[in-house]
Amino acid sequence: MTIYLTSGFAHPATSEASHVIRPVPLLSQDQIGRLPARAREVVEYRKSGLSLNHIQGCPLGCAYCIRHTYGLWDQNQPRALMTDAHAVEELVGHRYFQPHVTPIQLLNRATEPFLPIVRPHTLAVLDDLDDRGLTNHVLIITRHQLTPDDIDRLNRLRHLKVTLLFTYSGIADQRVEPYPSHVAADSLKLMSAPLRRRYRTVLYWRPLVPGLNDTAEHLAAAHELSSHADATVFTGLFYRDQIADYYKANGIPEPYDDTARRKIVPETLERRVLDTFAGSPRLFRKTSCAVSYAHGLPDYNGHYGIRELCDICPVRQLELCASAHQVPTSSRLRRIASVLPEAGALEVVDITDRAAVVSGLEVEQPRYHLQHALGFQVHDGRHPHHAHRHGRADIGWKDTPHDD
């Protein structure tokens, strides 16, 4: 028997309830038990925030989707692992969650949050978090068509710092990206138009791939589109082994000869992007930098210590980040880590003005927690960040050892 979620939500200011039938099947415990292990992890820390993914499955078919790495690529129809209310409780009760501090990513790993059948869940989770008076950053990554109703609904939120990140690539090859980029471009323009709004918009220009969407015309189109957003961040392709296997099996031209654990942005491509955007005060290399700038706040990831990242930032933002930049002591870092069972073997290798370097963490999630709790970069000694590489893969950069 298939169970469907049916629930209502009401805006507290008006007490107007809208009962919405949500045709997202709720999986049984037996069905959930058969999912890949990582797919069953509803709350997971990723670089830009604690990620909530209680709905999984997407029909848009982007060949480079991270779902390949979670064993979820073949799941095209959204399905729920739990109710929205249960999911929010899982999030706020998680050992990594800090009220008003931890950035949240909503439905960013395994579905599209503004699919018509997923949208009510996205809004219900936002309402629940906002009704709790939480002021955390909430990042929502979308490439779907948004509507004027979405403007109204998001403007009802009173506390959360919501940012819509519109994934736009300009890729025309439908084998790589079947869902057209112009939809995201139109949605960005629509959602950025109101002069007064409680949310912010970011042009999430990705993935940039040499030979696919890096012509002068592509770059000029993105530059024009950026004028509609509060900020723009550019980044490259996550090219993992599972994604490379999919490209090969489906005859899609392989963009690189090797795979990497970090996003790939070749040096020459970055230079061309910076030249195209010369003089723009709203272009950033890191997602958290763009989000923080859009809200007039210092970077919650503490990138200010990596000063070569900041050479394109506006002076006012540099001043904000400088005022918040505090190098932690080793004892403070250990004290914050002491509550995490995964950090029992943590060792502090070094702390400089740039970053804290640690070892002993078998997984990345506690490191992200430390980074957001401190507002300071925390790096894993196994995966060094090379100067001027901006935490990206070494592919496409000269004279750099390959440690990815």
Protein backbone atom coordinates (compact mmCIF):
# COMPACT_ATOMS: atom_id res chain seq x y z
CA MET A 1 0.00 0.00 0.00
CA THR A 2 1.30 3.47 -0.90
CA ILE A 3 0.84 6.15 1.73
CA TYR A 4 0.66 9.79 0.66
CA LEU A 5 1.40 12.76 2.87
CA THR A 6 -1.52 15.10 3.38
CA SER A 7 -1.16 18.09 5.65
CA GLY A 8 -1.97 21.74 5.95
CA PHE A 9 -0.12 24.85 6.95
CA ALA A 10 -1.34 28.18 8.21
CA HIS A 11 0.24 31.58 8.28
CA PRO A 12 0.11 32.73 11.91
CA ALA A 13 -0.64 36.33 11.00
CA THR A 14 -3.77 35.48 9.04
CA SER A 15 -4.79 32.05 10.37
CA GLU A 16 -5.63 31.15 6.79
CA ALA A 17 -5.10 27.41 6.34
CA SER A 18 -4.43 25.85 2.96
CA HIS A 19 -4.83 22.10 2.80
CA VAL A 20 -2.44 20.75 0.23
CA ILE A 21 -2.44 17.22 -1.11
CA ARG A 22 1.21 16.30 -1.48
CA PRO A 23 1.61 13.41 -3.88
CA VAL A 24 4.95 12.33 -2.47
CA PRO A 25 4.87 8.71 -1.33
CA LEU A 26 5.99 8.09 2.24
CA LEU A 27 8.27 5.07 2.28
CA SER A 28 7.75 2.26 4.76
CA GLN A 29 10.50 1.35 7.22
CA ASP A 30 11.17 -1.78 5.19
CA GLN A 31 11.63 0.29 2.02
CA ILE A 32 13.90 2.73 3.83
CA GLY A 33 15.98 -0.15 5.13
CA ARG A 34 16.73 -1.22 1.57
CA LEU A 35 18.11 2.19 0.57
CA PRO A 36 21.87 2.75 0.31
CA ALA A 37 23.35 3.70 3.70
CA ARG A 38 24.08 7.34 2.81
CA ALA A 39 20.60 7.80 1.38
CA ARG A 40 19.17 6.86 4.76
CA GLU A 41 21.10 9.70 6.40
CA VAL A 42 18.44 12.41 6.38
CA VAL A 43 20.64 15.03 8.08
CA GLU A 44 24.18 15.34 6.75
CA TYR A 45 26.78 18.07 7.10
CA ARG A 46 28.10 19.47 3.83
CA LYS A 47 30.48 22.36 3.27
CA SER A 48 27.91 25.13 3.16
CA GLY A 49 25.63 23.83 5.89
CA LEU A 50 23.75 21.08 7.66
CA SER A 51 21.75 19.46 4.90
CA LEU A 52 18.17 18.19 5.37
CA ASN A 53 17.09 15.61 2.79
CA HIS A 54 13.97 13.75 3.88
CA ILE A 55 12.65 13.83 0.30
CA GLN A 56 14.70 12.10 -2.36
CA GLY A 57 14.30 11.59 -6.08
CA CYS A 58 14.39 13.98 -9.04
CA PRO A 59 13.23 13.72 -12.67
CA LEU A 60 15.40 16.51 -14.10
CA GLY A 61 18.22 14.17 -15.12
CA CYS A 62 21.35 16.34 -14.91
CA ALA A 63 24.21 13.98 -15.80
CA TYR A 64 26.56 15.46 -13.20
CA CYS A 65 24.07 15.16 -10.30
CA ILE A 66 25.56 14.30 -6.91
CA ARG A 67 22.86 11.60 -6.60
CA HIS A 68 25.23 9.31 -8.50
CA THR A 69 27.45 9.17 -5.43
CA TYR A 70 24.57 8.31 -3.07
CA GLY A 71 23.21 5.36 -5.02
CA LEU A 72 20.08 7.36 -5.86
CA TRP A 73 20.54 8.15 -9.53
CA ASP A 74 17.80 5.76 -10.67
CA GLN A 75 15.26 7.30 -8.28
CA ASN A 76 13.46 9.75 -10.58
CA GLN A 77 10.29 10.29 -8.58
CA PRO A 78 10.39 12.13 -5.24
CA ARG A 79 9.59 10.05 -2.18
CA ALA A 80 9.67 10.87 1.51
CA LEU A 81 11.55 9.08 4.26
CA MET A 82 9.50 10.83 6.95
CA THR A 83 7.02 13.65 7.43
CA ASP A 84 8.10 17.28 7.30
CA ALA A 85 7.49 17.74 11.03
CA HIS A 86 9.59 14.68 11.86
CA ALA A 87 12.35 15.90 9.53
CA VAL A 88 12.53 19.29 11.25
CA GLU A 89 12.79 17.58 14.63
CA GLU A 90 15.63 15.45 13.28
CA LEU A 91 17.40 18.61 12.10
CA VAL A 92 17.06 20.80 15.19
CA GLY A 93 17.76 17.87 17.50
CA HIS A 94 20.91 16.84 15.64
CA ARG A 95 24.19 16.93 17.55
CA TYR A 96 25.65 19.30 14.94
CA PHE A 97 22.80 21.81 15.01
CA GLN A 98 23.33 25.14 16.77
CA PRO A 99 20.35 27.52 16.90
CA HIS A 100 21.02 30.82 15.10
CA VAL A 101 24.50 29.60 14.04
CA THR A 102 24.49 26.48 11.88
CA PRO A 103 23.74 27.22 8.21
CA ILE A 104 21.04 24.92 6.81
CA GLN A 105 20.76 23.54 3.30
CA LEU A 106 17.25 22.42 2.42
CA LEU A 107 16.61 19.48 0.06
CA ASN A 108 19.84 20.11 -1.85
CA ARG A 109 21.26 16.60 -2.14
CA ALA A 110 18.67 14.39 -3.78
CA THR A 111 15.74 16.38 -5.18
CA GLU A 112 14.72 19.76 -6.59
CA PRO A 113 13.05 21.76 -3.78
CA PHE A 114 10.68 23.65 -6.09
CA LEU A 115 9.34 20.76 -8.09
CA PRO A 116 5.56 21.25 -7.92
CA ILE A 117 5.12 18.14 -5.77
CA VAL A 118 8.08 19.01 -3.52
CA ARG A 119 7.40 22.75 -3.12
CA PRO A 120 4.76 22.33 -0.36
CA HIS A 121 7.30 20.37 1.70
CA THR A 122 9.95 23.02 1.20
CA LEU A 123 7.58 25.73 2.37
CA ALA A 124 6.29 23.66 5.28
CA VAL A 125 9.83 23.09 6.59
CA LEU A 126 10.61 26.79 6.26
CA ASP A 127 7.44 27.70 8.16
CA ASP A 128 8.26 25.25 10.94
CA LEU A 129 11.81 26.53 11.36
CA ASP A 130 10.69 30.14 11.22
CA ASP A 131 7.90 29.60 13.76
CA ARG A 132 10.60 28.46 16.19
CA GLY A 133 12.18 31.93 15.96
CA LEU A 134 15.39 30.56 14.43
CA THR A 135 17.59 33.05 12.59
CA ASN A 136 19.91 30.55 10.90
CA HIS A 137 20.95 30.92 7.29
CA VAL A 138 18.85 28.64 5.06
CA LEU A 139 20.21 27.95 1.58
CA ILE A 140 17.82 26.65 -1.09
CA ILE A 141 19.40 25.64 -4.39
CA THR A 142 17.01 25.52 -7.34
CA ARG A 143 16.87 25.54 -11.11
CA HIS A 144 13.09 25.25 -11.35
CA GLN A 145 10.37 27.67 -12.38
CA LEU A 146 9.28 29.89 -9.52
CA THR A 147 6.13 32.00 -9.40
CA PRO A 148 4.89 35.27 -7.88
CA ASP A 149 3.21 33.14 -5.20
CA ASP A 150 6.67 32.05 -4.08
CA ILE A 151 7.61 35.69 -3.52
CA ASP A 152 4.63 36.11 -1.23
CA ARG A 153 5.24 32.89 0.68
CA LEU A 154 8.93 33.58 1.30
CA ASN A 155 8.21 37.15 2.35
CA ARG A 156 6.03 35.81 5.16
CA LEU A 157 9.06 34.37 6.93
CA ARG A 158 10.07 36.60 9.81
CA HIS A 159 13.29 35.20 11.26
CA LEU A 160 15.24 32.88 8.95
CA LYS A 161 17.90 34.30 6.65
CA VAL A 162 16.78 32.62 3.43
CA THR A 163 18.89 32.62 0.28
CA LEU A 164 17.72 31.26 -3.07
CA LEU A 165 20.66 30.04 -5.13
CA PHE A 166 19.66 29.71 -8.78
CA THR A 167 21.71 27.04 -10.53
CA TYR A 168 22.52 28.33 -13.98
CA SER A 169 25.09 26.92 -16.42
CA GLY A 170 24.07 27.86 -19.95
CA ILE A 171 24.80 24.25 -20.99
CA ALA A 172 22.87 23.40 -24.15
CA ASP A 173 23.86 19.73 -24.46
CA GLN A 174 20.75 17.91 -23.29
CA ARG A 175 22.74 14.75 -22.61
CA VAL A 176 24.42 16.68 -19.81
CA GLU A 177 21.61 18.97 -18.70
CA PRO A 178 18.12 18.16 -20.03
CA TYR A 179 16.37 20.90 -18.06
CA PRO A 180 16.97 24.25 -19.82
CA SER A 181 19.05 26.92 -18.10
CA HIS A 182 16.75 29.73 -19.19
CA VAL A 183 14.18 28.57 -16.62
CA ALA A 184 16.57 29.29 -13.76
CA ALA A 185 17.51 32.60 -15.38
CA ASP A 186 13.86 33.64 -15.61
CA SER A 187 13.20 32.56 -12.01
CA LEU A 188 16.20 34.55 -10.78
CA LYS A 189 14.93 37.67 -12.51
CA LEU A 190 11.42 37.18 -11.14
CA MET A 191 12.48 36.55 -7.55
CA SER A 192 15.04 39.38 -7.54
CA ALA A 193 12.63 42.00 -8.87
CA PRO A 194 10.82 43.11 -5.65
CA LEU A 195 12.56 46.07 -4.07
CA ARG A 196 11.53 44.91 -0.61
CA ARG A 197 11.93 41.23 0.16
CA ARG A 198 13.01 39.22 3.18
CA TYR A 199 15.04 36.66 1.22
CA ARG A 200 18.14 37.09 -0.94
CA THR A 201 19.05 35.78 -4.40
CA VAL A 202 22.34 34.40 -5.68
CA LEU A 203 23.31 33.47 -9.22
CA TYR A 204 24.83 30.03 -8.64
CA TRP A 205 26.87 29.82 -11.84
CA ARG A 206 27.76 26.17 -12.15
CA PRO A 207 29.13 23.88 -13.32
CA LEU A 208 31.62 25.73 -15.47
CA VAL A 209 33.24 23.17 -17.78
CA PRO A 210 35.88 23.93 -20.45
CA GLY A 211 34.63 23.25 -23.95
CA LEU A 212 31.03 22.98 -22.81
CA ASN A 213 29.89 26.39 -21.54
CA ASP A 214 32.97 28.61 -21.41
CA THR A 215 32.80 30.56 -24.67
CA ALA A 216 32.95 34.35 -24.58
CA GLU A 217 29.21 34.33 -25.28
CA HIS A 218 28.53 32.04 -22.31
CA LEU A 219 30.57 34.25 -20.00
CA ALA A 220 28.92 37.43 -21.27
CA ALA A 221 25.44 35.94 -20.75
CA ALA A 222 26.27 35.05 -17.15
CA HIS A 223 27.68 38.52 -16.55
CA GLU A 224 24.44 40.11 -17.76
CA LEU A 225 22.36 37.74 -15.65
CA SER A 226 24.41 38.54 -12.57
CA SER A 227 23.09 42.10 -12.61
CA HIS A 228 19.74 40.75 -11.40
CA ALA A 229 21.12 38.88 -8.37
CA ASP A 230 22.25 40.09 -4.96
CA ALA A 231 25.50 38.18 -5.49
CA THR A 232 27.12 35.68 -7.86
CA VAL A 233 29.27 32.67 -7.09
CA PHE A 234 31.01 30.62 -9.77
CA THR A 235 32.29 27.09 -9.44
CA GLY A 236 33.15 24.01 -11.41
CA LEU A 237 32.23 20.37 -11.76
CA PHE A 238 32.23 17.67 -9.12
CA TYR A 239 33.66 14.90 -11.30
CA ARG A 240 33.62 11.81 -9.11
CA ASP A 241 34.22 8.23 -10.19
CA GLN A 242 30.50 7.40 -10.29
CA ILE A 243 29.78 10.40 -12.50
CA ALA A 244 32.66 9.54 -14.82
CA ASP A 245 31.31 5.99 -15.12
CA TYR A 246 27.90 7.36 -16.09
CA TYR A 247 29.44 9.62 -18.74
CA LYS A 248 31.33 6.70 -20.26
CA ALA A 249 28.34 4.35 -20.20
CA ASN A 250 26.14 6.90 -21.96
CA GLY A 251 28.60 8.19 -24.54
CA ILE A 252 28.83 11.66 -23.02
CA PRO A 253 32.16 13.37 -23.79
CA GLU A 254 34.35 13.22 -20.70
CA PRO A 255 35.36 16.73 -19.60
CA TYR A 256 38.52 15.61 -17.77
CA ASP A 257 40.96 12.71 -17.89
CA ASP A 258 40.77 12.18 -14.14
CA THR A 259 38.34 12.53 -11.26
CA ALA A 260 38.77 14.47 -8.01
CA ARG A 261 37.21 14.83 -4.56
CA ARG A 262 36.99 18.61 -5.01
CA LYS A 263 35.33 20.75 -7.65
CA ILE A 264 37.39 21.38 -10.78
CA VAL A 265 37.92 24.95 -11.99
CA PRO A 266 41.00 25.17 -14.23
CA GLU A 267 43.28 28.16 -13.72
CA THR A 268 42.77 29.61 -17.21
CA LEU A 269 38.99 29.37 -16.89
CA GLU A 270 39.02 31.23 -13.57
CA ARG A 271 41.17 33.96 -15.12
CA ARG A 272 38.70 34.40 -17.98
CA VAL A 273 35.78 34.61 -15.54
CA LEU A 274 37.55 37.27 -13.48
CA ASP A 275 38.41 39.24 -16.61
CA THR A 276 34.77 39.13 -17.75
CA PHE A 277 33.59 40.34 -14.35
CA ALA A 278 36.35 42.90 -13.87
CA GLY A 279 35.06 45.67 -11.62
CA SER A 280 32.02 43.72 -10.44
CA PRO A 281 31.57 44.09 -6.66
CA ARG A 282 29.34 41.04 -6.33
CA LEU A 283 31.36 38.08 -7.66
CA PHE A 284 32.64 35.45 -5.22
CA ARG A 285 34.54 32.18 -5.34
CA LYS A 286 32.80 30.58 -2.35
CA THR A 287 29.11 29.99 -1.72
CA SER A 288 29.24 31.17 1.88
CA CYS A 289 30.94 34.39 0.80
CA ALA A 290 28.16 35.18 -1.68
CA VAL A 291 25.40 34.28 0.79
CA SER A 292 26.93 36.30 3.62
CA TYR A 293 27.50 39.32 1.38
CA ALA A 294 23.89 39.19 0.18
CA HIS A 295 22.72 39.45 3.81
CA GLY A 296 25.28 42.09 4.81
CA LEU A 297 27.08 39.74 7.21
CA PRO A 298 30.63 38.41 7.61
CA ASP A 299 31.37 35.06 6.01
CA TYR A 300 30.17 32.29 8.30
CA ASN A 301 32.85 29.95 6.93
CA GLY A 302 35.69 32.26 7.98
CA HIS A 303 37.38 32.43 4.60
CA TYR A 304 38.93 35.79 5.45
CA GLY A 305 42.11 34.06 6.60
CA ILE A 306 42.65 32.72 3.09
CA ARG A 307 43.39 36.19 1.80
CA GLU A 308 43.87 35.27 -1.85
CA LEU A 309 40.18 34.33 -1.88
CA CYS A 310 39.32 37.90 -0.97
CA ASP A 311 41.07 39.73 -3.80
CA ILE A 312 37.76 40.13 -5.67
CA CYS A 313 35.65 41.13 -2.63
CA PRO A 314 34.29 44.66 -2.13
CA VAL A 315 36.01 46.72 0.55
CA ARG A 316 32.92 46.90 2.76
CA GLN A 317 32.65 43.12 2.84
CA LEU A 318 36.35 42.79 3.63
CA GLU A 319 35.88 45.11 6.59
CA LEU A 320 32.93 43.05 7.85
CA CYS A 321 34.85 39.80 7.60
CA ALA A 322 37.96 41.33 9.19
CA SER A 323 35.92 42.48 12.19
CA ALA A 324 34.65 38.95 12.77
CA HIS A 325 37.95 37.16 12.14
CA GLN A 326 39.23 35.61 15.37
CA VAL A 327 41.97 32.99 15.43
CA PRO A 328 40.86 30.31 17.91
CA THR A 329 43.12 28.79 20.52
CA SER A 330 43.86 25.10 20.43
CA SER A 331 42.03 24.63 23.72
CA ARG A 332 38.87 26.30 22.40
CA LEU A 333 38.88 24.13 19.30
CA ARG A 334 39.27 20.98 21.41
CA ARG A 335 36.52 22.12 23.79
CA ILE A 336 34.02 22.52 20.95
CA ALA A 337 35.08 19.17 19.48
CA SER A 338 34.79 17.38 22.84
CA VAL A 339 31.01 16.95 22.54
CA LEU A 340 31.29 15.09 19.23
CA PRO A 341 31.90 11.33 19.41
CA GLU A 342 33.43 11.41 15.90
CA ALA A 343 36.11 13.83 17.11
CA GLY A 344 37.51 11.70 19.91
CA ALA A 345 40.81 11.17 18.08
CA LEU A 346 41.12 14.76 16.88
CA GLU A 347 44.54 16.36 17.04
CA VAL A 348 45.33 20.01 16.37
CA VAL A 349 48.30 20.04 14.00
CA ASP A 350 48.65 23.79 13.57
CA ILE A 351 46.72 27.05 13.87
CA THR A 352 47.66 30.09 11.83
CA ASP A 353 45.87 33.25 10.80
CA ARG A 354 44.73 31.34 7.69
CA ALA A 355 43.25 28.18 9.18
CA ALA A 356 43.38 25.49 11.81
CA VAL A 357 44.80 22.20 10.52
CA VAL A 358 43.58 19.06 12.27
CA SER A 359 44.05 15.30 12.00
CA GLY A 360 42.31 12.24 13.37
CA LEU A 361 38.90 12.84 11.80
CA GLU A 362 37.79 9.85 9.76
CA VAL A 363 34.89 11.78 8.23
CA GLU A 364 34.42 15.39 7.17
CA GLN A 365 31.17 16.25 8.96
CA PRO A 366 32.62 17.15 12.40
CA ARG A 367 35.14 19.41 10.68
CA TYR A 368 32.32 21.44 9.12
CA HIS A 369 30.68 21.71 12.54
CA LEU A 370 33.90 23.07 14.02
CA GLN A 371 34.28 25.52 11.16
CA HIS A 372 30.82 27.00 11.61
CA ALA A 373 31.01 27.03 15.40
CA LEU A 374 34.28 28.97 15.20
CA GLY A 375 33.57 31.05 12.08
CA PHE A 376 37.10 30.05 11.09
CA GLN A 377 38.57 27.71 8.49
CA VAL A 378 39.36 24.19 9.72
CA HIS A 379 41.33 22.02 7.28
CA ASP A 380 42.05 18.31 7.26
CA GLY A 381 45.80 17.67 7.17
CA ARG A 382 45.24 14.78 4.74
CA HIS A 383 43.89 17.14 2.09
CA PRO A 384 45.99 20.32 2.10
CA HIS A 385 44.70 23.54 0.58
CA HIS A 386 47.32 24.88 -1.81
CA ALA A 387 47.77 28.63 -1.98
CA HIS A 388 45.77 30.30 -4.77
CA ARG A 389 43.91 27.06 -5.61
CA HIS A 390 40.95 28.16 -3.46
CA GLY A 391 40.24 24.69 -2.11
CA ARG A 392 39.65 23.26 -5.56
CA ALA A 393 40.97 20.21 -7.33
CA ASP A 394 44.48 20.51 -8.70
CA ILE A 395 43.35 19.51 -12.20
CA GLY A 396 44.03 22.39 -14.57
CA TRP A 397 46.52 24.17 -12.30
CA LYS A 398 50.24 24.28 -13.02
CA ASP A 399 53.09 23.01 -10.85
CA THR A 400 50.88 21.67 -8.07
CA PRO A 401 51.20 18.22 -6.47
CA HIS A 402 48.10 16.08 -6.98
CA ASP A 403 46.78 15.11 -3.55
CA ASP A 404 43.11 14.68 -4.42
